[in-house]
């Protein structure tokens, strides 16, 4: 869906391997313990509640996944 597929571009201001999204967090550092709000997007949360495997909830074509050698969703 459009929320999961929003991670098409590297997030150069975020942690290694993160993708640029506009729906699931605020910055500027995007790090645990920073006090900034962040979370999974709604489609991922609903998918987890329905028991959808995590690998099936990833973005369908992510150049960041490809660069890290991780599979696409």
Protein backbone atom coordinates (compact mmCIF):
# COMPACT_ATOMS: atom_id res chain seq x y z
CA UNK A 1 0.00 0.00 0.00
CA UNK A 2 1.04 3.61 -0.26
CA UNK A 3 2.11 3.85 3.39
CA UNK A 4 4.45 0.86 3.26
CA UNK A 5 5.74 1.82 -0.17
CA UNK A 6 6.53 5.34 1.00
CA UNK A 7 9.99 4.13 2.01
CA UNK A 8 11.43 4.36 -1.49
CA UNK A 9 14.28 6.73 -0.72
CA UNK A 10 17.17 6.55 1.76
CA UNK A 11 16.71 8.68 4.87
CA UNK A 12 20.14 10.27 5.13
CA UNK A 13 19.21 11.98 8.42
CA UNK A 14 17.96 8.76 10.04
CA UNK A 15 19.63 5.59 11.32
CA UNK A 16 21.54 3.35 8.87
CA UNK A 17 19.12 1.49 6.63
CA UNK A 18 16.17 3.76 7.31
CA UNK A 19 13.93 4.99 4.54
CA UNK A 20 12.37 8.40 4.08
CA UNK A 21 8.74 8.41 5.21
CA UNK A 22 6.32 11.14 6.10
CA UNK A 23 3.76 9.11 8.03
CA UNK A 24 5.36 7.45 11.03
CA UNK A 25 7.72 9.77 12.91
CA UNK A 26 9.13 13.20 13.59
CA UNK A 27 12.80 14.12 13.82
CA UNK A 28 15.37 15.30 13.59
CA UNK A 29 17.43 12.29 14.83
CA UNK A 30 14.87 9.42 14.73
CA UNK A 31 16.80 7.55 17.44
CA UNK A 32 15.47 5.51 20.37
CA UNK A 33 15.72 7.49 23.59
CA UNK A 34 15.78 10.85 21.81
CA UNK A 35 12.31 11.80 23.03
CA UNK A 36 11.06 12.09 19.45
CA UNK A 37 7.81 10.40 18.49
CA UNK A 38 8.08 7.52 16.03
CA UNK A 39 6.31 4.27 15.35
CA UNK A 40 5.33 1.81 12.67
CA UNK A 41 2.73 2.95 10.16
CA UNK A 42 -0.89 1.82 10.43
CA UNK A 43 -0.71 -0.84 7.71
CA UNK A 44 2.18 -2.54 9.52
CA UNK A 45 0.41 -2.39 12.90
CA UNK A 46 -2.80 -3.85 11.46
CA UNK A 47 -0.85 -6.52 9.59
CA UNK A 48 0.86 -7.58 12.82
CA UNK A 49 -2.49 -7.81 14.61
CA UNK A 50 -3.76 -10.03 11.78
CA UNK A 51 -0.69 -12.27 11.97
CA UNK A 52 0.84 -11.27 8.64
CA UNK A 53 4.55 -12.26 8.59
CA UNK A 54 6.91 -9.29 9.02
CA UNK A 55 8.60 -9.92 5.67
CA UNK A 56 5.26 -9.57 3.92
CA UNK A 57 4.72 -6.12 5.42
CA UNK A 58 7.81 -4.49 3.91
CA UNK A 59 7.74 -2.05 1.01
CA UNK A 60 7.53 -3.83 -2.32
CA UNK A 61 10.50 -2.15 -4.00
CA UNK A 62 13.01 -0.49 -1.70
CA UNK A 63 16.41 0.56 -3.02
CA UNK A 64 17.55 0.72 0.61
CA UNK A 65 16.72 -2.98 1.07
CA UNK A 66 18.58 -3.78 -2.13
CA UNK A 67 21.65 -1.83 -0.99
CA UNK A 68 21.63 -3.69 2.34
CA UNK A 69 21.05 -7.07 0.69
CA UNK A 70 17.64 -7.41 2.40
CA UNK A 71 14.64 -8.86 0.55
CA UNK A 72 11.80 -6.68 -0.63
CA UNK A 73 8.25 -7.20 0.59
